[in-house]
């Protein structure tokens, strides 16, 4: 399980105190859009085709919209993921 995004020392300390392992390299990308069957599968497939490895995904649906956080290994991977997802 992961918590993202953490902003600042206060949130990082709170996550560590709650038992989460804190890593400085893991980055998360937030994705939102219209919900439909298979949308997360399609997005993660595009990232895999782009050579990216996901460390975790958490998603939810509110009404007709979805929101997801996708965790990646580094800032450069997160930047590349955003490029790929913006074209999807």
PDB file of N, CA and C in Angstrom:
ATOM      1  N   UNK A   1       0.841  -1.162   0.000  1.00  0.00           N
ATOM      2  CA  UNK A   1       0.000   0.000   0.000  1.00  0.00           C
ATOM      3  C   UNK A   1       0.892   1.232   0.000  1.00  0.00           C
ATOM      4  N   UNK A   2       0.431   2.285  -0.671  1.00  0.00           N
ATOM      5  CA  UNK A   2       1.182   3.524  -0.663  1.00  0.00           C
ATOM      6  C   UNK A   2       0.242   4.699  -0.470  1.00  0.00           C
ATOM      7  N   UNK A   3       0.810   5.799  -0.029  1.00  0.00           N
ATOM      8  CA  UNK A   3       0.063   7.034   0.165  1.00  0.00           C
ATOM      9  C   UNK A   3       0.712   8.081  -0.719  1.00  0.00           C
ATOM     10  N   UNK A   4      -0.090   8.757  -1.517  1.00  0.00           N
ATOM     11  CA  UNK A   4       0.469   9.771  -2.407  1.00  0.00           C
ATOM     12  C   UNK A   4      -0.589  10.816  -2.696  1.00  0.00           C
ATOM     13  N   UNK A   5      -0.226  11.999  -2.990  1.00  0.00           N
ATOM     14  CA  UNK A   5       1.131  12.530  -2.900  1.00  0.00           C
ATOM     15  C   UNK A   5       1.408  13.045  -1.493  1.00  0.00           C
ATOM     16  N   UNK A   6       2.632  12.896  -1.053  1.00  0.00           N
ATOM     17  CA  UNK A   6       3.064  13.482   0.215  1.00  0.00           C
ATOM     18  C   UNK A   6       3.748  14.797  -0.102  1.00  0.00           C
ATOM     19  N   UNK A   7       3.364  15.824   0.622  1.00  0.00           N
ATOM     20  CA  UNK A   7       3.939  17.139   0.379  1.00  0.00           C
ATOM     21  C   UNK A   7       4.514  17.677   1.678  1.00  0.00           C
ATOM     22  N   UNK A   8       5.816  17.783   1.717  1.00  0.00           N
ATOM     23  CA  UNK A   8       6.477  18.383   2.861  1.00  0.00           C
ATOM     24  C   UNK A   8       6.827  17.399   3.959  1.00  0.00           C
ATOM     25  N   UNK A   9       7.652  17.890   4.876  1.00  0.00           N
ATOM     26  CA  UNK A   9       8.159  17.069   5.973  1.00  0.00           C
ATOM     27  C   UNK A   9       7.054  16.601   6.912  1.00  0.00           C
ATOM     28  N   UNK A  10       6.078  17.444   7.173  1.00  0.00           N
ATOM     29  CA  UNK A  10       5.007  17.084   8.115  1.00  0.00           C
ATOM     30  C   UNK A  10       4.233  15.859   7.628  1.00  0.00           C
ATOM     31  N   UNK A  11       3.840  15.850   6.354  1.00  0.00           N
ATOM     32  CA  UNK A  11       3.101  14.714   5.809  1.00  0.00           C
ATOM     33  C   UNK A  11       3.981  13.467   5.733  1.00  0.00           C
ATOM     34  N   UNK A  12       5.245  13.645   5.402  1.00  0.00           N
ATOM     35  CA  UNK A  12       6.170  12.514   5.333  1.00  0.00           C
ATOM     36  C   UNK A  12       6.345  11.877   6.707  1.00  0.00           C
ATOM     37  N   UNK A  13       6.517  12.702   7.744  1.00  0.00           N
ATOM     38  CA  UNK A  13       6.640  12.179   9.112  1.00  0.00           C
ATOM     39  C   UNK A  13       5.366  11.458   9.542  1.00  0.00           C
ATOM     40  N   UNK A  14       4.206  12.025   9.212  1.00  0.00           N
ATOM     41  CA  UNK A  14       2.933  11.401   9.586  1.00  0.00           C
ATOM     42  C   UNK A  14       2.785  10.032   8.922  1.00  0.00           C
ATOM     43  N   UNK A  15       3.172   9.919   7.666  1.00  0.00           N
ATOM     44  CA  UNK A  15       3.099   8.627   6.970  1.00  0.00           C
ATOM     45  C   UNK A  15       4.029   7.614   7.618  1.00  0.00           C
ATOM     46  N   UNK A  16       5.237   8.046   7.965  1.00  0.00           N
ATOM     47  CA  UNK A  16       6.195   7.143   8.614  1.00  0.00           C
ATOM     48  C   UNK A  16       5.671   6.695   9.978  1.00  0.00           C
ATOM     49  N   UNK A  17       5.078   7.616  10.736  1.00  0.00           N
ATOM     50  CA  UNK A  17       4.533   7.274  12.050  1.00  0.00           C
ATOM     51  C   UNK A  17       3.345   6.322  11.938  1.00  0.00           C
ATOM     52  N   UNK A  18       2.635   6.369  10.816  1.00  0.00           N
ATOM     53  CA  UNK A  18       1.496   5.473  10.595  1.00  0.00           C
ATOM     54  C   UNK A  18       1.940   4.094  10.107  1.00  0.00           C
ATOM     55  N   UNK A  19       3.258   3.920   9.916  1.00  0.00           N
ATOM     56  CA  UNK A  19       3.768   2.613   9.535  1.00  0.00           C
ATOM     57  C   UNK A  19       4.103   2.442   8.070  1.00  0.00           C
ATOM     58  N   UNK A  20       4.002   3.502   7.286  1.00  0.00           N
ATOM     59  CA  UNK A  20       4.351   3.411   5.876  1.00  0.00           C
ATOM     60  C   UNK A  20       5.857   3.546   5.703  1.00  0.00           C
ATOM     61  N   UNK A  21       6.414   2.824   4.736  1.00  0.00           N
ATOM     62  CA  UNK A  21       7.813   2.996   4.375  1.00  0.00           C
ATOM     63  C   UNK A  21       7.902   4.199   3.453  1.00  0.00           C
ATOM     64  N   UNK A  22       8.761   5.124   3.784  1.00  0.00           N
ATOM     65  CA  UNK A  22       8.900   6.345   3.000  1.00  0.00           C
ATOM     66  C   UNK A  22      10.091   6.190   2.071  1.00  0.00           C
ATOM     67  N   UNK A  23       9.865   6.440   0.788  1.00  0.00           N
ATOM     68  CA  UNK A  23      10.935   6.370  -0.194  1.00  0.00           C
ATOM     69  C   UNK A  23      11.027   7.700  -0.930  1.00  0.00           C
ATOM     70  N   UNK A  24      12.225   8.221  -1.094  1.00  0.00           N
ATOM     71  CA  UNK A  24      12.364   9.498  -1.790  1.00  0.00           C
ATOM     72  C   UNK A  24      12.259   9.366  -3.308  1.00  0.00           C
ATOM     73  N   UNK A  25      12.354   8.148  -3.839  1.00  0.00           N
ATOM     74  CA  UNK A  25      12.379   8.009  -5.292  1.00  0.00           C
ATOM     75  C   UNK A  25      11.019   7.708  -5.906  1.00  0.00           C
ATOM     76  N   UNK A  26      10.098   7.140  -5.165  1.00  0.00           N
ATOM     77  CA  UNK A  26       8.796   6.778  -5.716  1.00  0.00           C
ATOM     78  C   UNK A  26       7.994   8.040  -6.022  1.00  0.00           C
ATOM     79  N   UNK A  27       7.421   8.092  -7.209  1.00  0.00           N
ATOM     80  CA  UNK A  27       6.622   9.244  -7.628  1.00  0.00           C
ATOM     81  C   UNK A  27       5.249   8.771  -8.069  1.00  0.00           C
ATOM     82  N   UNK A  28       4.237   9.602  -7.877  1.00  0.00           N
ATOM     83  CA  UNK A  28       2.876   9.246  -8.262  1.00  0.00           C
ATOM     84  C   UNK A  28       2.346  10.225  -9.301  1.00  0.00           C
ATOM     85  N   UNK A  29       1.556   9.689 -10.211  1.00  0.00           N
ATOM     86  CA  UNK A  29       0.870  10.481 -11.224  1.00  0.00           C
ATOM     87  C   UNK A  29      -0.622  10.314 -10.977  1.00  0.00           C
ATOM     88  N   UNK A  30      -1.348  11.418 -10.920  1.00  0.00           N
ATOM     89  CA  UNK A  30      -2.802  11.357 -10.751  1.00  0.00           C
ATOM     90  C   UNK A  30      -3.452  11.425 -12.129  1.00  0.00           C
ATOM     91  N   UNK A  31      -4.401  10.519 -12.356  1.00  0.00           N
ATOM     92  CA  UNK A  31      -5.110  10.442 -13.629  1.00  0.00           C
ATOM     93  C   UNK A  31      -6.599  10.521 -13.340  1.00  0.00           C
ATOM     94  N   UNK A  32      -7.328  11.339 -14.091  1.00  0.00           N
ATOM     95  CA  UNK A  32      -8.777  11.435 -13.931  1.00  0.00           C
ATOM     96  C   UNK A  32      -9.428  11.411 -15.305  1.00  0.00           C
ATOM     97  N   UNK A  33     -10.687  11.005 -15.345  1.00  0.00           N
ATOM     98  CA  UNK A  33     -11.409  11.002 -16.614  1.00  0.00           C
ATOM     99  C   UNK A  33     -12.762  10.342 -16.483  1.00  0.00           C
ATOM    100  N   UNK A  34     -13.409  10.157 -17.614  1.00  0.00           N
ATOM    101  CA  UNK A  34     -14.709   9.483 -17.668  1.00  0.00           C
ATOM    102  C   UNK A  34     -14.517   8.000 -17.402  1.00  0.00           C
ATOM    103  N   UNK A  35     -15.330   7.448 -16.519  1.00  0.00           N
ATOM    104  CA  UNK A  35     -15.247   6.028 -16.221  1.00  0.00           C
ATOM    105  C   UNK A  35     -15.919   5.223 -17.319  1.00  0.00           C
ATOM    106  N   UNK A  36     -15.303   4.087 -17.636  1.00  0.00           N
ATOM    107  CA  UNK A  36     -15.881   3.114 -18.558  1.00  0.00           C
ATOM    108  C   UNK A  36     -15.160   1.795 -18.336  1.00  0.00           C
ATOM    109  N   UNK A  37     -15.771   0.690 -18.703  1.00  0.00           N
ATOM    110  CA  UNK A  37     -15.125  -0.604 -18.494  1.00  0.00           C
ATOM    111  C   UNK A  37     -13.762  -0.680 -19.194  1.00  0.00           C
ATOM    112  N   UNK A  38     -12.746  -1.090 -18.452  1.00  0.00           N
ATOM    113  CA  UNK A  38     -11.423  -1.300 -19.021  1.00  0.00           C
ATOM    114  C   UNK A  38     -10.532  -0.083 -19.124  1.00  0.00           C
ATOM    115  N   UNK A  39     -10.970   1.066 -18.647  1.00  0.00           N
ATOM    116  CA  UNK A  39     -10.172   2.285 -18.834  1.00  0.00           C
ATOM    117  C   UNK A  39      -8.819   2.183 -18.135  1.00  0.00           C
ATOM    118  N   UNK A  40      -8.769   1.657 -16.921  1.00  0.00           N
ATOM    119  CA  UNK A  40      -7.488   1.535 -16.211  1.00  0.00           C
ATOM    120  C   UNK A  40      -6.597   0.510 -16.909  1.00  0.00           C
ATOM    121  N   UNK A  41      -7.182  -0.582 -17.382  1.00  0.00           N
ATOM    122  CA  UNK A  41      -6.407  -1.592 -18.115  1.00  0.00           C
ATOM    123  C   UNK A  41      -5.776  -0.980 -19.365  1.00  0.00           C
ATOM    124  N   UNK A  42      -6.529  -0.165 -20.082  1.00  0.00           N
ATOM    125  CA  UNK A  42      -5.997   0.474 -21.291  1.00  0.00           C
ATOM    126  C   UNK A  42      -4.850   1.424 -20.957  1.00  0.00           C
ATOM    127  N   UNK A  43      -5.017   2.207 -19.908  1.00  0.00           N
ATOM    128  CA  UNK A  43      -3.972   3.168 -19.541  1.00  0.00           C
ATOM    129  C   UNK A  43      -2.706   2.464 -19.072  1.00  0.00           C
ATOM    130  N   UNK A  44      -2.860   1.428 -18.253  1.00  0.00           N
ATOM    131  CA  UNK A  44      -1.672   0.716 -17.778  1.00  0.00           C
ATOM    132  C   UNK A  44      -0.990  -0.036 -18.922  1.00  0.00           C
ATOM    133  N   UNK A  45      -1.756  -0.514 -19.893  1.00  0.00           N
ATOM    134  CA  UNK A  45      -1.165  -1.173 -21.065  1.00  0.00           C
ATOM    135  C   UNK A  45      -0.310  -0.184 -21.856  1.00  0.00           C
ATOM    136  N   UNK A  46      -0.798   1.037 -22.028  1.00  0.00           N
ATOM    137  CA  UNK A  46      -0.022   2.054 -22.746  1.00  0.00           C
ATOM    138  C   UNK A  46       1.289   2.354 -22.019  1.00  0.00           C
ATOM    139  N   UNK A  47       1.239   2.400 -20.689  1.00  0.00           N
ATOM    140  CA  UNK A  47       2.462   2.638 -19.923  1.00  0.00           C
ATOM    141  C   UNK A  47       3.432   1.471 -20.080  1.00  0.00           C
ATOM    142  N   UNK A  48       2.916   0.249 -20.058  1.00  0.00           N
ATOM    143  CA  UNK A  48       3.768  -0.933 -20.250  1.00  0.00           C
ATOM    144  C   UNK A  48       4.402  -0.916 -21.638  1.00  0.00           C
ATOM    145  N   UNK A  49       3.621  -0.567 -22.648  1.00  0.00           N
ATOM    146  CA  UNK A  49       4.153  -0.482 -24.012  1.00  0.00           C
ATOM    147  C   UNK A  49       5.239   0.584 -24.120  1.00  0.00           C
ATOM    148  N   UNK A  50       5.161   1.600 -23.260  1.00  0.00           N
ATOM    149  CA  UNK A  50       6.174   2.648 -23.222  1.00  0.00           C
ATOM    150  C   UNK A  50       7.385   2.271 -22.381  1.00  0.00           C
ATOM    151  N   UNK A  51       7.400   1.030 -21.872  1.00  0.00           N
ATOM    152  CA  UNK A  51       8.544   0.546 -21.112  1.00  0.00           C
ATOM    153  C   UNK A  51       8.547   0.939 -19.645  1.00  0.00           C
ATOM    154  N   UNK A  52       7.408   1.389 -19.137  1.00  0.00           N
ATOM    155  CA  UNK A  52       7.340   1.822 -17.741  1.00  0.00           C
ATOM    156  C   UNK A  52       6.804   0.715 -16.845  1.00  0.00           C
ATOM    157  N   UNK A  53       7.344   0.649 -15.641  1.00  0.00           N
ATOM    158  CA  UNK A  53       6.922  -0.318 -14.641  1.00  0.00           C
ATOM    159  C   UNK A  53       6.168   0.413 -13.537  1.00  0.00           C
ATOM    160  N   UNK A  54       4.949  -0.016 -13.268  1.00  0.00           N
ATOM    161  CA  UNK A  54       4.171   0.582 -12.186  1.00  0.00           C
ATOM    162  C   UNK A  54       4.489  -0.120 -10.877  1.00  0.00           C
ATOM    163  N   UNK A  55       4.662   0.663  -9.823  1.00  0.00           N
ATOM    164  CA  UNK A  55       4.894   0.109  -8.492  1.00  0.00           C
ATOM    165  C   UNK A  55       3.585  -0.090  -7.742  1.00  0.00           C
ATOM    166  N   UNK A  56       2.543   0.599  -8.177  1.00  0.00           N
ATOM    167  CA  UNK A  56       1.242   0.458  -7.544  1.00  0.00           C
ATOM    168  C   UNK A  56       0.220   1.320  -8.247  1.00  0.00           C
ATOM    169  N   UNK A  57      -1.045   0.929  -8.124  1.00  0.00           N
ATOM    170  CA  UNK A  57      -2.155   1.705  -8.683  1.00  0.00           C
ATOM    171  C   UNK A  57      -3.293   1.655  -7.678  1.00  0.00           C
ATOM    172  N   UNK A  58      -3.879   2.795  -7.424  1.00  0.00           N
ATOM    173  CA  UNK A  58      -5.094   2.843  -6.627  1.00  0.00           C
ATOM    174  C   UNK A  58      -6.081   3.722  -7.380  1.00  0.00           C
ATOM    175  N   UNK A  59      -7.334   3.281  -7.435  1.00  0.00           N
ATOM    176  CA  UNK A  59      -8.324   4.010  -8.231  1.00  0.00           C
ATOM    177  C   UNK A  59      -9.681   3.980  -7.546  1.00  0.00           C
ATOM    178  N   UNK A  60     -10.495   4.949  -7.911  1.00  0.00           N
ATOM    179  CA  UNK A  60     -11.854   5.026  -7.393  1.00  0.00           C
ATOM    180  C   UNK A  60     -12.757   5.615  -8.465  1.00  0.00           C
ATOM    181  N   UNK A  61     -14.049   5.385  -8.314  1.00  0.00           N
ATOM    182  CA  UNK A  61     -15.042   5.944  -9.223  1.00  0.00           C
ATOM    183  C   UNK A  61     -16.031   6.758  -8.408  1.00  0.00           C
ATOM    184  N   UNK A  62     -16.300   7.961  -8.883  1.00  0.00           N
ATOM    185  CA  UNK A  62     -17.310   8.829  -8.277  1.00  0.00           C
ATOM    186  C   UNK A  62     -18.278   9.227  -9.381  1.00  0.00           C
ATOM    187  N   UNK A  63     -19.462   8.657  -9.339  1.00  0.00           N
ATOM    188  CA  UNK A  63     -20.433   8.929 -10.394  1.00  0.00           C
ATOM    189  C   UNK A  63     -19.942   8.382 -11.718  1.00  0.00           C
ATOM    190  N   UNK A  64     -19.743   9.267 -12.686  1.00  0.00           N
ATOM    191  CA  UNK A  64     -19.281   8.843 -14.009  1.00  0.00           C
ATOM    192  C   UNK A  64     -17.797   9.120 -14.226  1.00  0.00           C
ATOM    193  N   UNK A  65     -17.103   9.580 -13.187  1.00  0.00           N
ATOM    194  CA  UNK A  65     -15.682   9.924 -13.292  1.00  0.00           C
ATOM    195  C   UNK A  65     -14.827   8.947 -12.494  1.00  0.00           C
ATOM    196  N   UNK A  66     -13.603   8.699 -12.979  1.00  0.00           N
ATOM    197  CA  UNK A  66     -12.657   7.892 -12.215  1.00  0.00           C
ATOM    198  C   UNK A  66     -11.470   8.761 -11.833  1.00  0.00           C
ATOM    199  N   UNK A  67     -10.807   8.359 -10.792  1.00  0.00           N
ATOM    200  CA  UNK A  67      -9.554   8.979 -10.387  1.00  0.00           C
ATOM    201  C   UNK A  67      -8.600   7.873  -9.998  1.00  0.00           C
ATOM    202  N   UNK A  68      -7.333   8.013 -10.370  1.00  0.00           N
ATOM    203  CA  UNK A  68      -6.344   6.987 -10.047  1.00  0.00           C
ATOM    204  C   UNK A  68      -5.006   7.639  -9.744  1.00  0.00           C
ATOM    205  N   UNK A  69      -4.262   7.014  -8.845  1.00  0.00           N
ATOM    206  CA  UNK A  69      -2.866   7.358  -8.603  1.00  0.00           C
ATOM    207  C   UNK A  69      -2.036   6.179  -9.074  1.00  0.00           C
ATOM    208  N   UNK A  70      -1.032   6.465  -9.890  1.00  0.00           N
ATOM    209  CA  UNK A  70      -0.137   5.437 -10.402  1.00  0.00           C
ATOM    210  C   UNK A  70       1.262   5.755  -9.905  1.00  0.00           C
ATOM    211  N   UNK A  71       1.853   4.815  -9.162  1.00  0.00           N
ATOM    212  CA  UNK A  71       3.176   5.022  -8.582  1.00  0.00           C
ATOM    213  C   UNK A  71       4.247   4.466  -9.515  1.00  0.00           C
ATOM    214  N   UNK A  72       5.291   5.270  -9.709  1.00  0.00           N
ATOM    215  CA  UNK A  72       6.404   4.893 -10.577  1.00  0.00           C
ATOM    216  C   UNK A  72       7.718   5.042  -9.823  1.00  0.00           C
ATOM    217  N   UNK A  73       8.784   4.485 -10.393  1.00  0.00           N
ATOM    218  CA  UNK A  73      10.069   4.405  -9.707  1.00  0.00           C
ATOM    219  C   UNK A  73      10.829   5.719  -9.567  1.00  0.00           C
ATOM    220  N   UNK A  74      10.588   6.676 -10.449  1.00  0.00           N
ATOM    221  CA  UNK A  74      11.411   7.888 -10.419  1.00  0.00           C
ATOM    222  C   UNK A  74      10.652   9.066 -11.021  1.00  0.00           C
ATOM    223  N   UNK A  75      11.207  10.241 -10.836  1.00  0.00           N
ATOM    224  CA  UNK A  75      10.627  11.446 -11.419  1.00  0.00           C
ATOM    225  C   UNK A  75      10.646  11.366 -12.941  1.00  0.00           C
ATOM    226  N   UNK A  76      11.721  10.842 -13.515  1.00  0.00           N
ATOM    227  CA  UNK A  76      11.783  10.734 -14.978  1.00  0.00           C
ATOM    228  C   UNK A  76      10.726   9.756 -15.496  1.00  0.00           C
ATOM    229  N   UNK A  77      10.475   8.656 -14.765  1.00  0.00           N
ATOM    230  CA  UNK A  77       9.407   7.735 -15.164  1.00  0.00           C
ATOM    231  C   UNK A  77       8.042   8.411 -15.063  1.00  0.00           C
ATOM    232  N   UNK A  78       7.835   9.207 -14.024  1.00  0.00           N
ATOM    233  CA  UNK A  78       6.563   9.916 -13.864  1.00  0.00           C
ATOM    234  C   UNK A  78       6.366  10.919 -15.000  1.00  0.00           C
ATOM    235  N   UNK A  79       7.432  11.628 -15.370  1.00  0.00           N
ATOM    236  CA  UNK A  79       7.344  12.571 -16.491  1.00  0.00           C
ATOM    237  C   UNK A  79       6.988  11.844 -17.782  1.00  0.00           C
ATOM    238  N   UNK A  80       7.634  10.707 -18.020  1.00  0.00           N
ATOM    239  CA  UNK A  80       7.359   9.914 -19.227  1.00  0.00           C
ATOM    240  C   UNK A  80       5.918   9.395 -19.194  1.00  0.00           C
ATOM    241  N   UNK A  81       5.447   8.954 -18.037  1.00  0.00           N
ATOM    242  CA  UNK A  81       4.069   8.472 -17.907  1.00  0.00           C
ATOM    243  C   UNK A  81       3.082   9.576 -18.265  1.00  0.00           C
ATOM    244  N   UNK A  82       3.343  10.789 -17.806  1.00  0.00           N
ATOM    245  CA  UNK A  82       2.434  11.895 -18.124  1.00  0.00           C
ATOM    246  C   UNK A  82       2.407  12.159 -19.624  1.00  0.00           C
ATOM    247  N   UNK A  83       3.555  12.071 -20.285  1.00  0.00           N
ATOM    248  CA  UNK A  83       3.600  12.245 -21.743  1.00  0.00           C
ATOM    249  C   UNK A  83       2.738  11.191 -22.435  1.00  0.00           C
ATOM    250  N   UNK A  84       2.890   9.940 -22.020  1.00  0.00           N
ATOM    251  CA  UNK A  84       2.145   8.832 -22.627  1.00  0.00           C
ATOM    252  C   UNK A  84       0.647   8.985 -22.365  1.00  0.00           C
ATOM    253  N   UNK A  85       0.284   9.284 -21.122  1.00  0.00           N
ATOM    254  CA  UNK A  85      -1.129   9.360 -20.756  1.00  0.00           C
ATOM    255  C   UNK A  85      -1.833  10.549 -21.400  1.00  0.00           C
ATOM    256  N   UNK A  86      -1.119  11.639 -21.634  1.00  0.00           N
ATOM    257  CA  UNK A  86      -1.741  12.791 -22.282  1.00  0.00           C
ATOM    258  C   UNK A  86      -2.102  12.493 -23.730  1.00  0.00           C
ATOM    259  N   UNK A  87      -1.420  11.533 -24.342  1.00  0.00           N
ATOM    260  CA  UNK A  87      -1.716  11.133 -25.720  1.00  0.00           C
ATOM    261  C   UNK A  87      -2.814  10.076 -25.787  1.00  0.00           C
ATOM    262  N   UNK A  88      -3.122   9.459 -24.646  1.00  0.00           N
ATOM    263  CA  UNK A  88      -4.096   8.348 -24.621  1.00  0.00           C
ATOM    264  C   UNK A  88      -5.521   8.853 -24.763  1.00  0.00           C
TER     265      UNK A  88
END
